[in-house]
Each structure stands twice: as C-alpha cells, then as structure tokens.
Amino acid sequence: MMTAIAERRTGGGKRVRDRQRLAHLVGGLLLVAYVYAPGAPVLETAVRWVVLPVLVASGVVMWQWGKIRRWMRKVRSQA
C-alpha cells in the first residue's frame, strides 16, 4: 500500500528517473558552459559550490540506487 501511495505522489519510478536524468543533464550543461565561457564569476561560483557537488551526488545516487533502497528497507524494518 505504501508503494502505491508513493507512486501516486512521485509519478512512479520511470518519471522519477526521467526527472533525475534531466536534472543531471542540465547540471552537465551548466558545467560545459562554465568550461567554455570563461570570465563569468557568478557562473564560476555556482558551478564550484552548487552544480558540481549536486552532479556528483546525483550521479552516485543514480548509480547505487538499488543498494541505497535495500539499505533503507533494512533500516526501516529495524526501527
């Protein structure tokens, strides 16, 4: 029952993955803009402190999602 509620709230697994990929691609485009548009101090600060850490974190989460989900289930069942 909980998964059905969560799916209705988030739109299901495919939509969530599509949104994650889109956000990851937008972050990558910002990174490319930073590399090829030198002299933009605001872009430099945003890429250094926001975009790059978010890209790394979201990439690791997408890569290891199966293990994260199993770990969360295990922690929830112990509580």
PDB file of N, CA and C in Angstrom:
ATOM      1  N   MET A   1       0.819  -1.190   0.000  1.00  0.00           N
ATOM      2  CA  MET A   1       0.000   0.000   0.000  1.00  0.00           C
ATOM      3  C   MET A   1       0.864   1.256   0.000  1.00  0.00           C
ATOM      4  N   MET A   2       1.949   1.248   0.763  1.00  0.00           N
ATOM      5  CA  MET A   2       2.823   2.426   0.810  1.00  0.00           C
ATOM      6  C   MET A   2       3.430   2.727  -0.552  1.00  0.00           C
ATOM      7  N   THR A   3       3.790   1.708  -1.303  1.00  0.00           N
ATOM      8  CA  THR A   3       4.392   1.971  -2.612  1.00  0.00           C
ATOM      9  C   THR A   3       3.389   2.586  -3.563  1.00  0.00           C
ATOM     10  N   ALA A   4       2.124   2.181  -3.479  1.00  0.00           N
ATOM     11  CA  ALA A   4       1.099   2.763  -4.338  1.00  0.00           C
ATOM     12  C   ALA A   4       0.918   4.244  -4.022  1.00  0.00           C
ATOM     13  N   ILE A   5       0.939   4.588  -2.751  1.00  0.00           N
ATOM     14  CA  ILE A   5       0.812   5.991  -2.358  1.00  0.00           C
ATOM     15  C   ILE A   5       2.029   6.771  -2.824  1.00  0.00           C
ATOM     16  N   ALA A   6       3.197   6.208  -2.636  1.00  0.00           N
ATOM     17  CA  ALA A   6       4.422   6.888  -3.063  1.00  0.00           C
ATOM     18  C   ALA A   6       4.447   7.058  -4.572  1.00  0.00           C
ATOM     19  N   GLU A   7       3.983   6.063  -5.306  1.00  0.00           N
ATOM     20  CA  GLU A   7       3.957   6.172  -6.768  1.00  0.00           C
ATOM     21  C   GLU A   7       3.013   7.275  -7.215  1.00  0.00           C
ATOM     22  N   ARG A   8       1.860   7.383  -6.563  1.00  0.00           N
ATOM     23  CA  ARG A   8       0.924   8.444  -6.931  1.00  0.00           C
ATOM     24  C   ARG A   8       1.521   9.813  -6.647  1.00  0.00           C
ATOM     25  N   ARG A   9       2.259   9.932  -5.553  1.00  0.00           N
ATOM     26  CA  ARG A   9       2.850  11.210  -5.166  1.00  0.00           C
ATOM     27  C   ARG A   9       3.987  11.610  -6.098  1.00  0.00           C
ATOM     28  N   THR A  10       4.838  10.673  -6.476  1.00  0.00           N
ATOM     29  CA  THR A  10       6.021  10.990  -7.269  1.00  0.00           C
ATOM     30  C   THR A  10       5.841  10.749  -8.755  1.00  0.00           C
ATOM     31  N   GLY A  11       4.829   9.994  -9.140  1.00  0.00           N
ATOM     32  CA  GLY A  11       4.601   9.724 -10.546  1.00  0.00           C
ATOM     33  C   GLY A  11       5.173   8.402 -11.005  1.00  0.00           C
ATOM     34  N   GLY A  12       5.668   7.589 -10.104  1.00  0.00           N
ATOM     35  CA  GLY A  12       6.203   6.288 -10.484  1.00  0.00           C
ATOM     36  C   GLY A  12       7.694   6.334 -10.733  1.00  0.00           C
ATOM     37  N   GLY A  13       8.283   5.157 -10.809  1.00  0.00           N
ATOM     38  CA  GLY A  13       9.732   5.036 -10.935  1.00  0.00           C
ATOM     39  C   GLY A  13      10.303   5.625 -12.206  1.00  0.00           C
ATOM     40  N   LYS A  14       9.626   5.404 -13.332  1.00  0.00           N
ATOM     41  CA  LYS A  14      10.144   5.908 -14.603  1.00  0.00           C
ATOM     42  C   LYS A  14      10.171   7.436 -14.625  1.00  0.00           C
ATOM     43  N   ARG A  15       9.119   8.047 -14.129  1.00  0.00           N
ATOM     44  CA  ARG A  15       9.086   9.518 -14.103  1.00  0.00           C
ATOM     45  C   ARG A  15      10.160  10.080 -13.184  1.00  0.00           C
ATOM     46  N   VAL A  16      10.359   9.450 -12.061  1.00  0.00           N
ATOM     47  CA  VAL A  16      11.398   9.907 -11.130  1.00  0.00           C
ATOM     48  C   VAL A  16      12.766   9.809 -11.792  1.00  0.00           C
ATOM     49  N   ARG A  17      13.041   8.675 -12.437  1.00  0.00           N
ATOM     50  CA  ARG A  17      14.331   8.513 -13.118  1.00  0.00           C
ATOM     51  C   ARG A  17      14.494   9.514 -14.253  1.00  0.00           C
ATOM     52  N   ASP A  18      13.407   9.767 -14.983  1.00  0.00           N
ATOM     53  CA  ASP A  18      13.476  10.754 -16.067  1.00  0.00           C
ATOM     54  C   ASP A  18      13.784  12.141 -15.528  1.00  0.00           C
ATOM     55  N   ARG A  19      13.161  12.494 -14.410  1.00  0.00           N
ATOM     56  CA  ARG A  19      13.438  13.805 -13.791  1.00  0.00           C
ATOM     57  C   ARG A  19      14.877  13.894 -13.285  1.00  0.00           C
ATOM     58  N   GLN A  20      15.352  12.810 -12.694  1.00  0.00           N
ATOM     59  CA  GLN A  20      16.737  12.791 -12.218  1.00  0.00           C
ATOM     60  C   GLN A  20      17.705  12.950 -13.381  1.00  0.00           C
ATOM     61  N   ARG A  21      17.458  12.239 -14.457  1.00  0.00           N
ATOM     62  CA  ARG A  21      18.339  12.346 -15.623  1.00  0.00           C
ATOM     63  C   ARG A  21      18.316  13.745 -16.201  1.00  0.00           C
ATOM     64  N   LEU A  22      17.137  14.347 -16.281  1.00  0.00           N
ATOM     65  CA  LEU A  22      17.022  15.697 -16.811  1.00  0.00           C
ATOM     66  C   LEU A  22      17.807  16.684 -15.942  1.00  0.00           C
ATOM     67  N   ALA A  23      17.652  16.585 -14.634  1.00  0.00           N
ATOM     68  CA  ALA A  23      18.388  17.473 -13.728  1.00  0.00           C
ATOM     69  C   ALA A  23      19.889  17.249 -13.873  1.00  0.00           C
ATOM     70  N   HIS A  24      20.299  16.003 -14.029  1.00  0.00           N
ATOM     71  CA  HIS A  24      21.712  15.680 -14.186  1.00  0.00           C
ATOM     72  C   HIS A  24      22.253  16.270 -15.493  1.00  0.00           C
ATOM     73  N   LEU A  25      21.480  16.180 -16.570  1.00  0.00           N
ATOM     74  CA  LEU A  25      21.897  16.748 -17.851  1.00  0.00           C
ATOM     75  C   LEU A  25      21.966  18.274 -17.803  1.00  0.00           C
ATOM     76  N   VAL A  26      21.016  18.917 -17.136  1.00  0.00           N
ATOM     77  CA  VAL A  26      21.050  20.378 -17.004  1.00  0.00           C
ATOM     78  C   VAL A  26      22.297  20.797 -16.234  1.00  0.00           C
ATOM     79  N   GLY A  27      22.608  20.081 -15.168  1.00  0.00           N
ATOM     80  CA  GLY A  27      23.826  20.373 -14.420  1.00  0.00           C
ATOM     81  C   GLY A  27      25.062  20.191 -15.281  1.00  0.00           C
ATOM     82  N   GLY A  28      25.079  19.148 -16.101  1.00  0.00           N
ATOM     83  CA  GLY A  28      26.200  18.925 -17.020  1.00  0.00           C
ATOM     84  C   GLY A  28      26.333  20.045 -18.030  1.00  0.00           C
ATOM     85  N   LEU A  29      25.202  20.538 -18.529  1.00  0.00           N
ATOM     86  CA  LEU A  29      25.239  21.666 -19.466  1.00  0.00           C
ATOM     87  C   LEU A  29      25.791  22.921 -18.802  1.00  0.00           C
ATOM     88  N   LEU A  30      25.419  23.155 -17.542  1.00  0.00           N
ATOM     89  CA  LEU A  30      25.985  24.294 -16.817  1.00  0.00           C
ATOM     90  C   LEU A  30      27.493  24.140 -16.648  1.00  0.00           C
ATOM     91  N   LEU A  31      27.935  22.929 -16.408  1.00  0.00           N
ATOM     92  CA  LEU A  31      29.363  22.668 -16.287  1.00  0.00           C
ATOM     93  C   LEU A  31      30.081  22.933 -17.604  1.00  0.00           C
ATOM     94  N   VAL A  32      29.496  22.506 -18.702  1.00  0.00           N
ATOM     95  CA  VAL A  32      30.078  22.769 -20.028  1.00  0.00           C
ATOM     96  C   VAL A  32      30.102  24.264 -20.297  1.00  0.00           C
ATOM     97  N   ALA A  33      29.035  24.974 -19.943  1.00  0.00           N
ATOM     98  CA  ALA A  33      29.007  26.433 -20.126  1.00  0.00           C
ATOM     99  C   ALA A  33      30.113  27.097 -19.318  1.00  0.00           C
ATOM    100  N   TYR A  34      30.354  26.605 -18.129  1.00  0.00           N
ATOM    101  CA  TYR A  34      31.426  27.156 -17.284  1.00  0.00           C
ATOM    102  C   TYR A  34      32.793  26.958 -17.933  1.00  0.00           C
ATOM    103  N   VAL A  35      33.007  25.792 -18.506  1.00  0.00           N
ATOM    104  CA  VAL A  35      34.306  25.487 -19.113  1.00  0.00           C
ATOM    105  C   VAL A  35      34.531  26.330 -20.363  1.00  0.00           C
ATOM    106  N   TYR A  36      33.495  26.501 -21.180  1.00  0.00           N
ATOM    107  CA  TYR A  36      33.657  27.184 -22.453  1.00  0.00           C
ATOM    108  C   TYR A  36      33.282  28.663 -22.420  1.00  0.00           C
ATOM    109  N   ALA A  37      32.854  29.202 -21.284  1.00  0.00           N
ATOM    110  CA  ALA A  37      32.541  30.630 -21.165  1.00  0.00           C
ATOM    111  C   ALA A  37      33.347  31.211 -20.010  1.00  0.00           C
ATOM    112  N   PRO A  38      34.656  31.387 -20.218  1.00  0.00           N
ATOM    113  CA  PRO A  38      35.475  31.908 -19.118  1.00  0.00           C
ATOM    114  C   PRO A  38      35.114  33.363 -18.805  1.00  0.00           C
ATOM    115  N   GLY A  39      35.400  33.750 -17.588  1.00  0.00           N
ATOM    116  CA  GLY A  39      35.183  35.126 -17.188  1.00  0.00           C
ATOM    117  C   GLY A  39      33.802  35.407 -16.627  1.00  0.00           C
ATOM    118  N   ALA A  40      33.032  34.391 -16.298  1.00  0.00           N
ATOM    119  CA  ALA A  40      31.726  34.590 -15.691  1.00  0.00           C
ATOM    120  C   ALA A  40      31.821  34.220 -14.211  1.00  0.00           C
ATOM    121  N   PRO A  41      32.105  35.210 -13.339  1.00  0.00           N
ATOM    122  CA  PRO A  41      32.334  34.893 -11.923  1.00  0.00           C
ATOM    123  C   PRO A  41      31.113  34.293 -11.218  1.00  0.00           C
ATOM    124  N   VAL A  42      29.914  34.715 -11.591  1.00  0.00           N
ATOM    125  CA  VAL A  42      28.720  34.152 -10.951  1.00  0.00           C
ATOM    126  C   VAL A  42      28.576  32.690 -11.334  1.00  0.00           C
ATOM    127  N   LEU A  43      28.800  32.392 -12.610  1.00  0.00           N
ATOM    128  CA  LEU A  43      28.716  31.009 -13.080  1.00  0.00           C
ATOM    129  C   LEU A  43      29.801  30.168 -12.418  1.00  0.00           C
ATOM    130  N   GLU A  44      30.985  30.748 -12.254  1.00  0.00           N
ATOM    131  CA  GLU A  44      32.079  30.016 -11.617  1.00  0.00           C
ATOM    132  C   GLU A  44      31.726  29.632 -10.183  1.00  0.00           C
ATOM    133  N   THR A  45      31.178  30.570  -9.438  1.00  0.00           N
ATOM    134  CA  THR A  45      30.801  30.302  -8.052  1.00  0.00           C
ATOM    135  C   THR A  45      29.683  29.264  -7.987  1.00  0.00           C
ATOM    136  N   ALA A  46      28.699  29.400  -8.861  1.00  0.00           N
ATOM    137  CA  ALA A  46      27.578  28.455  -8.856  1.00  0.00           C
ATOM    138  C   ALA A  46      28.048  27.053  -9.203  1.00  0.00           C
ATOM    139  N   VAL A  47      28.914  26.942 -10.197  1.00  0.00           N
ATOM    140  CA  VAL A  47      29.403  25.625 -10.600  1.00  0.00           C
ATOM    141  C   VAL A  47      30.256  25.012  -9.505  1.00  0.00           C
ATOM    142  N   ARG A  48      31.117  25.807  -8.921  1.00  0.00           N
ATOM    143  CA  ARG A  48      32.038  25.283  -7.912  1.00  0.00           C
ATOM    144  C   ARG A  48      31.332  24.817  -6.648  1.00  0.00           C
ATOM    145  N   TRP A  49      30.324  25.560  -6.177  1.00  0.00           N
ATOM    146  CA  TRP A  49      29.739  25.272  -4.876  1.00  0.00           C
ATOM    147  C   TRP A  49      28.359  24.636  -4.920  1.00  0.00           C
ATOM    148  N   VAL A  50      27.702  24.637  -6.084  1.00  0.00           N
ATOM    149  CA  VAL A  50      26.356  24.056  -6.152  1.00  0.00           C
ATOM    150  C   VAL A  50      26.282  22.956  -7.211  1.00  0.00           C
ATOM    151  N   VAL A  51      26.565  23.313  -8.452  1.00  0.00           N
ATOM    152  CA  VAL A  51      26.339  22.399  -9.569  1.00  0.00           C
ATOM    153  C   VAL A  51      27.204  21.147  -9.470  1.00  0.00           C
ATOM    154  N   LEU A  52      28.492  21.310  -9.286  1.00  0.00           N
ATOM    155  CA  LEU A  52      29.383  20.150  -9.252  1.00  0.00           C
ATOM    156  C   LEU A  52      29.070  19.196  -8.097  1.00  0.00           C
ATOM    157  N   PRO A  53      28.896  19.687  -6.863  1.00  0.00           N
ATOM    158  CA  PRO A  53      28.525  18.749  -5.793  1.00  0.00           C
ATOM    159  C   PRO A  53      27.185  18.050  -6.034  1.00  0.00           C
ATOM    160  N   VAL A  54      26.208  18.776  -6.586  1.00  0.00           N
ATOM    161  CA  VAL A  54      24.911  18.158  -6.873  1.00  0.00           C
ATOM    162  C   VAL A  54      25.053  17.114  -7.973  1.00  0.00           C
ATOM    163  N   LEU A  55      25.852  17.416  -9.001  1.00  0.00           N
ATOM    164  CA  LEU A  55      26.084  16.447 -10.072  1.00  0.00           C
ATOM    165  C   LEU A  55      26.732  15.174  -9.539  1.00  0.00           C
ATOM    166  N   VAL A  56      27.732  15.327  -8.718  1.00  0.00           N
ATOM    167  CA  VAL A  56      28.419  14.162  -8.159  1.00  0.00           C
ATOM    168  C   VAL A  56      27.457  13.347  -7.288  1.00  0.00           C
ATOM    169  N   ALA A  57      26.726  14.031  -6.415  1.00  0.00           N
ATOM    170  CA  ALA A  57      25.805  13.322  -5.520  1.00  0.00           C
ATOM    171  C   ALA A  57      24.696  12.627  -6.300  1.00  0.00           C
ATOM    172  N   SER A  58      24.106  13.317  -7.267  1.00  0.00           N
ATOM    173  CA  SER A  58      23.016  12.695  -8.020  1.00  0.00           C
ATOM    174  C   SER A  58      23.524  11.546  -8.880  1.00  0.00           C
ATOM    175  N   GLY A  59      24.726  11.662  -9.415  1.00  0.00           N
ATOM    176  CA  GLY A  59      25.298  10.574 -10.195  1.00  0.00           C
ATOM    177  C   GLY A  59      25.543   9.341  -9.353  1.00  0.00           C
ATOM    178  N   VAL A  60      26.065   9.538  -8.158  1.00  0.00           N
ATOM    179  CA  VAL A  60      26.308   8.401  -7.259  1.00  0.00           C
ATOM    180  C   VAL A  60      24.986   7.772  -6.830  1.00  0.00           C
ATOM    181  N   VAL A  61      23.985   8.600  -6.535  1.00  0.00           N
ATOM    182  CA  VAL A  61      22.683   8.065  -6.125  1.00  0.00           C
ATOM    183  C   VAL A  61      22.044   7.274  -7.270  1.00  0.00           C
ATOM    184  N   MET A  62      22.080   7.798  -8.494  1.00  0.00           N
ATOM    185  CA  MET A  62      21.517   7.055  -9.624  1.00  0.00           C
ATOM    186  C   MET A  62      22.263   5.743  -9.841  1.00  0.00           C
ATOM    187  N   TRP A  63      23.568   5.778  -9.683  1.00  0.00           N
ATOM    188  CA  TRP A  63      24.402   4.601  -9.907  1.00  0.00           C
ATOM    189  C   TRP A  63      24.137   3.527  -8.851  1.00  0.00           C
ATOM    190  N   GLN A  64      24.005   3.941  -7.600  1.00  0.00           N
ATOM    191  CA  GLN A  64      23.879   2.998  -6.490  1.00  0.00           C
ATOM    192  C   GLN A  64      22.459   2.904  -5.936  1.00  0.00           C
ATOM    193  N   TRP A  65      21.445   3.283  -6.708  1.00  0.00           N
ATOM    194  CA  TRP A  65      20.086   3.346  -6.191  1.00  0.00           C
ATOM    195  C   TRP A  65      19.603   2.008  -5.629  1.00  0.00           C
ATOM    196  N   GLY A  66      19.922   0.924  -6.258  1.00  0.00           N
ATOM    197  CA  GLY A  66      19.494  -0.385  -5.753  1.00  0.00           C
ATOM    198  C   GLY A  66      20.024  -0.662  -4.361  1.00  0.00           C
ATOM    199  N   LYS A  67      21.295  -0.411  -4.158  1.00  0.00           N
ATOM    200  CA  LYS A  67      21.894  -0.635  -2.831  1.00  0.00           C
ATOM    201  C   LYS A  67      21.323   0.326  -1.798  1.00  0.00           C
ATOM    202  N   ILE A  68      21.089   1.573  -2.169  1.00  0.00           N
ATOM    203  CA  ILE A  68      20.530   2.560  -1.243  1.00  0.00           C
ATOM    204  C   ILE A  68      19.129   2.141  -0.821  1.00  0.00           C
ATOM    205  N   ARG A  69      18.325   1.689  -1.785  1.00  0.00           N
ATOM    206  CA  ARG A  69      16.957   1.264  -1.487  1.00  0.00           C
ATOM    207  C   ARG A  69      16.939   0.066  -0.557  1.00  0.00           C
ATOM    208  N   ARG A  70      17.813  -0.913  -0.815  1.00  0.00           N
ATOM    209  CA  ARG A  70      17.876  -2.083   0.073  1.00  0.00           C
ATOM    210  C   ARG A  70      18.313  -1.673   1.478  1.00  0.00           C
ATOM    211  N   TRP A  71      19.278  -0.767   1.577  1.00  0.00           N
ATOM    212  CA  TRP A  71      19.746  -0.294   2.880  1.00  0.00           C
ATOM    213  C   TRP A  71      18.622   0.438   3.620  1.00  0.00           C
ATOM    214  N   MET A  72      17.855   1.268   2.900  1.00  0.00           N
ATOM    215  CA  MET A  72      16.750   1.992   3.545  1.00  0.00           C
ATOM    216  C   MET A  72      15.676   1.035   4.044  1.00  0.00           C
ATOM    217  N   ARG A  73      15.366  -0.014   3.262  1.00  0.00           N
ATOM    218  CA  ARG A  73      14.395  -1.016   3.705  1.00  0.00           C
ATOM    219  C   ARG A  73      14.881  -1.706   4.972  1.00  0.00           C
ATOM    220  N   LYS A  74      16.160  -2.038   4.996  1.00  0.00           N
ATOM    221  CA  LYS A  74      16.733  -2.727   6.163  1.00  0.00           C
ATOM    222  C   LYS A  74      16.654  -1.835   7.394  1.00  0.00           C
ATOM    223  N   VAL A  75      16.992  -0.567   7.240  1.00  0.00           N
ATOM    224  CA  VAL A  75      16.952   0.371   8.375  1.00  0.00           C
ATOM    225  C   VAL A  75      15.514   0.556   8.849  1.00  0.00           C
ATOM    226  N   ARG A  76      14.569   0.680   7.913  1.00  0.00           N
ATOM    227  CA  ARG A  76      13.161   0.852   8.271  1.00  0.00           C
ATOM    228  C   ARG A  76      12.613  -0.359   9.002  1.00  0.00           C
ATOM    229  N   SER A  77      13.012  -1.553   8.587  1.00  0.00           N
ATOM    230  CA  SER A  77      12.499  -2.756   9.232  1.00  0.00           C
ATOM    231  C   SER A  77      13.066  -2.935  10.633  1.00  0.00           C
ATOM    232  N   GLN A  78      14.220  -2.369  10.914  1.00  0.00           N
ATOM    233  CA  GLN A  78      14.820  -2.469  12.241  1.00  0.00           C
ATOM    234  C   GLN A  78      14.217  -1.465  13.212  1.00  0.00           C
ATOM    235  N   ALA A  79      13.614  -0.416  12.708  1.00  0.00           N
ATOM    236  CA  ALA A  79      13.076   0.638  13.595  1.00  0.00           C
ATOM    237  C   ALA A  79      11.768   0.265  14.225  1.00  0.00           C
TER     238      ALA A  79
END
